[in-house]
Amino acid sequence: MIADITEYSFIADGGFEITGEGTLLIDGDVYTNDFIAKKRDVELTDTKTFITKYDLNLDNKGSFTTGEDTNFWARNIKAKSSEADIKGIVNVANDMNLMGKNSKVKITGQYIGYGCSTTDDATTNDATI
């Protein structure tokens, strides 16, 4: 049986990386090995399912925002001097890592996580679950 993929905006089995300034709007479901955004804002506008097999990696003053109905799956959430506002059902298999300065992750809805959340003691970071 083949999974129904008609609702997916993109499937990136080799991973996905975007750099530069501006906002990437994603309207539809996402599957990727790794999702990396450097200096880029990412907004999921009508995404019911966001799956990254490995890591959501935000780097260098970017942001990541989901809608309230998103079903989010990742092995790790890594934010380095970045912000994330993740809503809906959030499944994290391993850890949430906040690094750099002024990293902030806000998770609202249902959080299902394993491992431990950490922050770099030498910087100012904020995690809200």
N, C-alpha and C. Protein backbone atom coordinates (compact mmCIF):
# COMPACT_ATOMS: atom_id res chain seq x y z
N MET A 1 0.84 -1.17 0.00
CA MET A 1 0.00 0.00 0.00
C MET A 1 0.89 1.24 0.00
N ILE A 2 0.57 2.21 -0.82
CA ILE A 2 1.32 3.46 -0.90
C ILE A 2 0.61 4.51 -0.05
N ALA A 3 1.40 5.20 0.78
CA ALA A 3 0.83 6.25 1.63
C ALA A 3 0.28 7.38 0.78
N ASP A 4 -0.79 8.00 1.26
CA ASP A 4 -1.38 9.14 0.58
C ASP A 4 -0.48 10.35 0.76
N ILE A 5 0.12 10.84 -0.31
CA ILE A 5 1.04 11.97 -0.21
C ILE A 5 0.48 13.22 -0.88
N THR A 6 -0.79 13.22 -1.22
CA THR A 6 -1.35 14.34 -1.97
C THR A 6 -1.43 15.63 -1.16
N GLU A 7 -1.38 15.55 0.16
CA GLU A 7 -1.45 16.74 1.00
C GLU A 7 -0.08 17.36 1.27
N TYR A 8 0.99 16.74 0.79
CA TYR A 8 2.35 17.20 1.10
C TYR A 8 2.78 18.30 0.13
N SER A 9 3.34 19.39 0.70
CA SER A 9 3.92 20.45 -0.12
C SER A 9 5.23 19.99 -0.72
N PHE A 10 6.03 19.33 0.12
CA PHE A 10 7.26 18.75 -0.41
C PHE A 10 7.74 17.60 0.46
N ILE A 11 8.46 16.73 -0.20
CA ILE A 11 9.09 15.60 0.45
C ILE A 11 10.57 15.67 0.09
N ALA A 12 11.43 15.77 1.12
CA ALA A 12 12.86 15.92 0.89
C ALA A 12 13.58 14.82 1.66
N ASP A 13 13.64 13.65 1.06
CA ASP A 13 14.24 12.50 1.73
C ASP A 13 15.73 12.71 1.99
N GLY A 14 16.38 13.54 1.20
CA GLY A 14 17.79 13.84 1.42
C GLY A 14 18.02 14.98 2.40
N GLY A 15 16.96 15.57 2.92
CA GLY A 15 17.07 16.69 3.83
C GLY A 15 16.78 18.00 3.13
N PHE A 16 16.58 19.05 3.91
CA PHE A 16 16.23 20.36 3.37
C PHE A 16 17.01 21.41 4.13
N GLU A 17 17.66 22.34 3.40
CA GLU A 17 18.38 23.44 4.03
C GLU A 17 18.10 24.71 3.24
N ILE A 18 17.77 25.78 3.98
CA ILE A 18 17.52 27.08 3.36
C ILE A 18 18.29 28.14 4.14
N THR A 19 18.91 29.06 3.42
CA THR A 19 19.66 30.15 4.06
C THR A 19 19.22 31.48 3.44
N GLY A 20 19.60 32.54 4.09
CA GLY A 20 19.29 33.86 3.59
C GLY A 20 18.15 34.50 4.35
N GLU A 21 17.88 35.74 4.02
CA GLU A 21 16.85 36.49 4.72
C GLU A 21 15.51 36.35 4.02
N GLY A 22 14.45 36.70 4.75
CA GLY A 22 13.11 36.63 4.21
C GLY A 22 12.32 35.53 4.90
N THR A 23 11.10 35.33 4.43
CA THR A 23 10.19 34.35 5.04
C THR A 23 9.84 33.28 4.03
N LEU A 24 9.95 32.03 4.46
CA LEU A 24 9.51 30.89 3.67
C LEU A 24 8.14 30.48 4.20
N LEU A 25 7.11 30.56 3.36
CA LEU A 25 5.75 30.14 3.74
C LEU A 25 5.51 28.75 3.17
N ILE A 26 5.10 27.83 4.04
CA ILE A 26 4.82 26.46 3.60
C ILE A 26 3.33 26.21 3.81
N ASP A 27 2.64 25.87 2.74
CA ASP A 27 1.21 25.61 2.76
C ASP A 27 0.98 24.16 2.35
N GLY A 28 0.94 23.28 3.33
CA GLY A 28 0.78 21.85 3.08
C GLY A 28 1.73 21.06 3.97
N ASP A 29 1.65 19.76 3.91
CA ASP A 29 2.42 18.90 4.80
C ASP A 29 3.86 18.76 4.32
N VAL A 30 4.75 18.39 5.29
CA VAL A 30 6.20 18.34 5.03
C VAL A 30 6.76 17.03 5.58
N TYR A 31 7.61 16.38 4.79
CA TYR A 31 8.45 15.28 5.28
C TYR A 31 9.87 15.54 4.80
N THR A 32 10.85 15.44 5.72
CA THR A 32 12.24 15.61 5.35
C THR A 32 13.12 14.86 6.34
N ASN A 33 14.33 14.51 5.91
CA ASN A 33 15.27 13.88 6.84
C ASN A 33 15.72 14.87 7.90
N ASP A 34 16.24 16.02 7.49
CA ASP A 34 16.61 17.12 8.37
C ASP A 34 15.99 18.38 7.79
N PHE A 35 15.60 19.30 8.68
CA PHE A 35 15.07 20.59 8.23
C PHE A 35 15.96 21.66 8.85
N ILE A 36 16.71 22.37 8.02
CA ILE A 36 17.68 23.35 8.49
C ILE A 36 17.32 24.71 7.91
N ALA A 37 17.16 25.70 8.79
CA ALA A 37 16.88 27.07 8.36
C ALA A 37 17.90 27.99 9.02
N LYS A 38 18.70 28.68 8.20
CA LYS A 38 19.73 29.60 8.69
C LYS A 38 19.35 31.02 8.28
N LYS A 39 19.25 31.89 9.26
CA LYS A 39 18.91 33.30 9.02
C LYS A 39 17.63 33.42 8.22
N ARG A 40 16.70 32.54 8.44
CA ARG A 40 15.48 32.53 7.64
C ARG A 40 14.27 32.31 8.54
N ASP A 41 13.18 33.01 8.28
CA ASP A 41 11.93 32.78 8.98
C ASP A 41 11.13 31.75 8.20
N VAL A 42 10.55 30.78 8.92
CA VAL A 42 9.74 29.74 8.30
C VAL A 42 8.38 29.76 8.97
N GLU A 43 7.33 29.85 8.17
CA GLU A 43 5.97 29.86 8.70
C GLU A 43 5.16 28.76 8.02
N LEU A 44 4.63 27.84 8.82
CA LEU A 44 3.76 26.80 8.29
C LEU A 44 2.33 27.33 8.34
N THR A 45 1.75 27.62 7.18
CA THR A 45 0.46 28.31 7.14
C THR A 45 -0.73 27.36 7.18
N ASP A 46 -0.66 26.24 6.49
CA ASP A 46 -1.76 25.27 6.49
C ASP A 46 -1.17 23.87 6.48
N THR A 47 -0.34 23.61 7.48
CA THR A 47 0.38 22.35 7.57
C THR A 47 -0.22 21.51 8.69
N LYS A 48 -0.80 20.39 8.33
CA LYS A 48 -1.37 19.48 9.34
C LYS A 48 -0.30 18.53 9.88
N THR A 49 0.67 18.15 9.05
CA THR A 49 1.72 17.22 9.46
C THR A 49 3.08 17.76 9.04
N PHE A 50 3.96 17.90 10.03
CA PHE A 50 5.36 18.27 9.77
C PHE A 50 6.23 17.19 10.38
N ILE A 51 6.96 16.46 9.54
CA ILE A 51 7.82 15.38 10.02
C ILE A 51 9.23 15.62 9.54
N THR A 52 10.15 15.71 10.48
CA THR A 52 11.56 15.68 10.12
C THR A 52 12.15 14.46 10.84
N LYS A 53 12.65 13.54 10.06
CA LYS A 53 13.14 12.28 10.61
C LYS A 53 14.20 12.50 11.67
N TYR A 54 15.02 13.52 11.47
CA TYR A 54 16.09 13.80 12.42
C TYR A 54 15.85 15.13 13.14
N ASP A 55 16.40 16.22 12.66
CA ASP A 55 16.41 17.45 13.44
C ASP A 55 15.70 18.61 12.76
N LEU A 56 15.02 19.42 13.58
CA LEU A 56 14.65 20.77 13.20
C LEU A 56 15.78 21.63 13.72
N ASN A 57 16.54 22.24 12.82
CA ASN A 57 17.74 22.98 13.18
C ASN A 57 17.58 24.43 12.72
N LEU A 58 17.43 25.34 13.70
CA LEU A 58 17.27 26.76 13.42
C LEU A 58 18.54 27.46 13.83
N ASP A 59 19.07 28.31 12.95
CA ASP A 59 20.38 28.90 13.22
C ASP A 59 20.40 30.37 12.81
N ASN A 60 20.92 31.18 13.70
CA ASN A 60 21.29 32.57 13.41
C ASN A 60 20.11 33.48 13.11
N LYS A 61 19.33 33.73 14.13
CA LYS A 61 18.27 34.74 14.12
C LYS A 61 17.10 34.41 13.21
N GLY A 62 16.86 33.15 12.94
CA GLY A 62 15.68 32.76 12.19
C GLY A 62 14.54 32.45 13.13
N SER A 63 13.36 32.22 12.57
CA SER A 63 12.22 31.82 13.38
C SER A 63 11.46 30.70 12.67
N PHE A 64 10.67 29.97 13.46
CA PHE A 64 9.89 28.84 12.95
C PHE A 64 8.55 28.89 13.65
N THR A 65 7.45 28.95 12.89
CA THR A 65 6.11 29.08 13.46
C THR A 65 5.19 28.07 12.80
N THR A 66 4.36 27.39 13.64
CA THR A 66 3.36 26.47 13.11
C THR A 66 1.97 26.98 13.46
N GLY A 67 0.98 26.39 12.79
CA GLY A 67 -0.41 26.66 13.13
C GLY A 67 -0.85 25.79 14.30
N GLU A 68 -2.03 26.06 14.82
CA GLU A 68 -2.52 25.37 16.01
C GLU A 68 -2.86 23.90 15.77
N ASP A 69 -3.10 23.51 14.55
CA ASP A 69 -3.51 22.14 14.24
C ASP A 69 -2.39 21.27 13.71
N THR A 70 -1.14 21.72 13.85
CA THR A 70 -0.01 20.98 13.29
C THR A 70 0.35 19.78 14.16
N ASN A 71 0.57 18.65 13.52
CA ASN A 71 1.10 17.46 14.17
C ASN A 71 2.58 17.43 13.83
N PHE A 72 3.44 17.80 14.81
CA PHE A 72 4.87 18.02 14.61
C PHE A 72 5.66 16.83 15.14
N TRP A 73 6.59 16.31 14.32
CA TRP A 73 7.44 15.18 14.70
C TRP A 73 8.89 15.52 14.40
N ALA A 74 9.79 15.29 15.36
CA ALA A 74 11.23 15.48 15.14
C ALA A 74 12.00 14.65 16.15
N ARG A 75 13.23 14.31 15.81
CA ARG A 75 14.12 13.67 16.77
C ARG A 75 14.63 14.69 17.76
N ASN A 76 15.08 15.85 17.25
CA ASN A 76 15.61 16.92 18.08
C ASN A 76 15.09 18.26 17.57
N ILE A 77 14.96 19.21 18.49
CA ILE A 77 14.77 20.61 18.15
C ILE A 77 16.04 21.32 18.59
N LYS A 78 16.71 22.00 17.64
CA LYS A 78 17.93 22.73 17.95
C LYS A 78 17.74 24.17 17.51
N ALA A 79 17.86 25.09 18.47
CA ALA A 79 17.72 26.51 18.16
C ALA A 79 18.98 27.23 18.62
N LYS A 80 19.67 27.85 17.68
CA LYS A 80 20.88 28.62 17.99
C LYS A 80 20.62 30.07 17.62
N SER A 81 20.47 30.91 18.64
CA SER A 81 20.16 32.33 18.45
C SER A 81 18.93 32.49 17.56
N SER A 82 17.91 31.66 17.80
CA SER A 82 16.70 31.64 16.98
C SER A 82 15.48 31.47 17.87
N GLU A 83 14.30 31.60 17.25
CA GLU A 83 13.05 31.45 17.98
C GLU A 83 12.14 30.47 17.26
N ALA A 84 11.33 29.76 18.06
CA ALA A 84 10.32 28.85 17.50
C ALA A 84 9.04 28.97 18.32
N ASP A 85 7.91 28.93 17.64
CA ASP A 85 6.60 28.91 18.26
C ASP A 85 5.85 27.74 17.63
N ILE A 86 5.84 26.61 18.33
CA ILE A 86 5.30 25.37 17.78
C ILE A 86 4.01 25.04 18.52
N LYS A 87 2.92 24.91 17.77
CA LYS A 87 1.61 24.66 18.35
C LYS A 87 1.08 23.32 17.86
N GLY A 88 0.10 22.80 18.56
CA GLY A 88 -0.54 21.55 18.15
C GLY A 88 -0.02 20.39 18.96
N ILE A 89 0.17 19.25 18.33
CA ILE A 89 0.72 18.06 18.98
C ILE A 89 2.19 17.99 18.61
N VAL A 90 3.06 18.05 19.61
CA VAL A 90 4.51 18.12 19.39
C VAL A 90 5.14 16.84 19.92
N ASN A 91 5.78 16.08 19.04
CA ASN A 91 6.45 14.83 19.39
C ASN A 91 7.94 15.00 19.16
N VAL A 92 8.73 14.91 20.22
CA VAL A 92 10.19 15.05 20.12
C VAL A 92 10.80 13.78 20.72
N ALA A 93 11.51 13.03 19.90
CA ALA A 93 12.04 11.74 20.32
C ALA A 93 13.23 11.85 21.25
N ASN A 94 14.00 12.92 21.18
CA ASN A 94 15.23 12.99 21.96
C ASN A 94 15.28 14.25 22.79
N ASP A 95 15.81 15.34 22.26
CA ASP A 95 16.07 16.53 23.07
C ASP A 95 15.64 17.81 22.37
N MET A 96 15.55 18.85 23.21
CA MET A 96 15.44 20.21 22.72
C MET A 96 16.69 20.93 23.22
N ASN A 97 17.46 21.51 22.29
CA ASN A 97 18.71 22.18 22.63
C ASN A 97 18.62 23.65 22.27
N LEU A 98 18.85 24.51 23.25
CA LEU A 98 18.88 25.95 23.03
C LEU A 98 20.32 26.41 23.19
N MET A 99 20.86 27.01 22.13
CA MET A 99 22.28 27.41 22.12
C MET A 99 22.38 28.86 21.66
N GLY A 100 23.57 29.42 21.77
CA GLY A 100 23.79 30.79 21.34
C GLY A 100 23.14 31.76 22.30
N LYS A 101 22.79 32.95 21.80
CA LYS A 101 22.18 33.98 22.62
C LYS A 101 20.74 34.21 22.21
N ASN A 102 19.91 34.43 23.20
CA ASN A 102 18.50 34.80 23.01
C ASN A 102 17.70 33.77 22.23
N SER A 103 18.00 32.50 22.39
CA SER A 103 17.18 31.46 21.78
C SER A 103 15.91 31.31 22.60
N LYS A 104 14.80 31.10 21.90
CA LYS A 104 13.51 31.00 22.59
C LYS A 104 12.65 29.98 21.85
N VAL A 105 12.13 29.01 22.57
CA VAL A 105 11.21 28.04 22.00
C VAL A 105 9.96 28.00 22.86
N LYS A 106 8.82 28.20 22.23
CA LYS A 106 7.53 28.13 22.92
C LYS A 106 6.74 27.00 22.28
N ILE A 107 6.30 26.07 23.11
CA ILE A 107 5.51 24.94 22.64
C ILE A 107 4.17 24.98 23.35
N THR A 108 3.09 25.06 22.58
CA THR A 108 1.75 25.05 23.15
C THR A 108 0.96 23.93 22.52
N GLY A 109 0.02 23.41 23.27
CA GLY A 109 -0.75 22.25 22.83
C GLY A 109 -0.30 21.05 23.62
N GLN A 110 -0.17 19.93 22.99
CA GLN A 110 0.25 18.70 23.65
C GLN A 110 1.71 18.41 23.31
N TYR A 111 2.54 18.26 24.34
CA TYR A 111 3.96 17.98 24.15
C TYR A 111 4.26 16.56 24.60
N ILE A 112 4.84 15.76 23.71
CA ILE A 112 5.26 14.40 24.04
C ILE A 112 6.75 14.36 23.74
N GLY A 113 7.57 14.32 24.79
CA GLY A 113 9.01 14.38 24.59
C GLY A 113 9.73 13.35 25.42
N TYR A 114 10.87 12.97 24.93
CA TYR A 114 11.73 12.01 25.61
C TYR A 114 13.10 12.65 25.72
N GLY A 115 13.95 12.18 26.59
CA GLY A 115 15.25 12.79 26.79
C GLY A 115 15.10 13.96 27.74
N CYS A 116 15.98 14.93 27.64
CA CYS A 116 15.91 16.08 28.54
C CYS A 116 16.10 17.35 27.73
N SER A 117 15.44 18.42 28.16
CA SER A 117 15.63 19.73 27.54
C SER A 117 16.82 20.39 28.19
N THR A 118 17.67 21.04 27.39
CA THR A 118 18.86 21.67 27.94
C THR A 118 19.00 23.07 27.41
N THR A 119 19.70 23.89 28.17
CA THR A 119 20.10 25.21 27.71
C THR A 119 21.57 25.37 28.00
N ASP A 120 22.21 26.20 27.21
CA ASP A 120 23.61 26.53 27.41
C ASP A 120 23.68 27.54 28.55
N ASP A 121 24.31 27.18 29.69
CA ASP A 121 24.33 28.02 30.88
C ASP A 121 25.02 29.36 30.66
N ALA A 122 25.84 29.49 29.64
CA ALA A 122 26.62 30.70 29.42
C ALA A 122 25.84 31.77 28.66
N THR A 123 24.61 31.48 28.28
CA THR A 123 23.85 32.42 27.47
C THR A 123 22.46 32.62 28.06
N THR A 124 21.71 33.53 27.46
CA THR A 124 20.34 33.78 27.88
C THR A 124 19.40 33.11 26.88
N ASN A 125 18.69 32.11 27.34
CA ASN A 125 17.75 31.38 26.49
C ASN A 125 16.48 31.13 27.28
N ASP A 126 15.39 30.79 26.57
CA ASP A 126 14.11 30.61 27.23
C ASP A 126 13.34 29.49 26.54
N ALA A 127 12.88 28.53 27.31
CA ALA A 127 12.03 27.47 26.79
C ALA A 127 10.73 27.49 27.58
N THR A 128 9.60 27.50 26.87
CA THR A 128 8.29 27.48 27.50
C THR A 128 7.53 26.30 26.93
N ILE A 129 7.10 25.42 27.81
CA ILE A 129 6.30 24.27 27.37
C ILE A 129 5.02 24.27 28.18
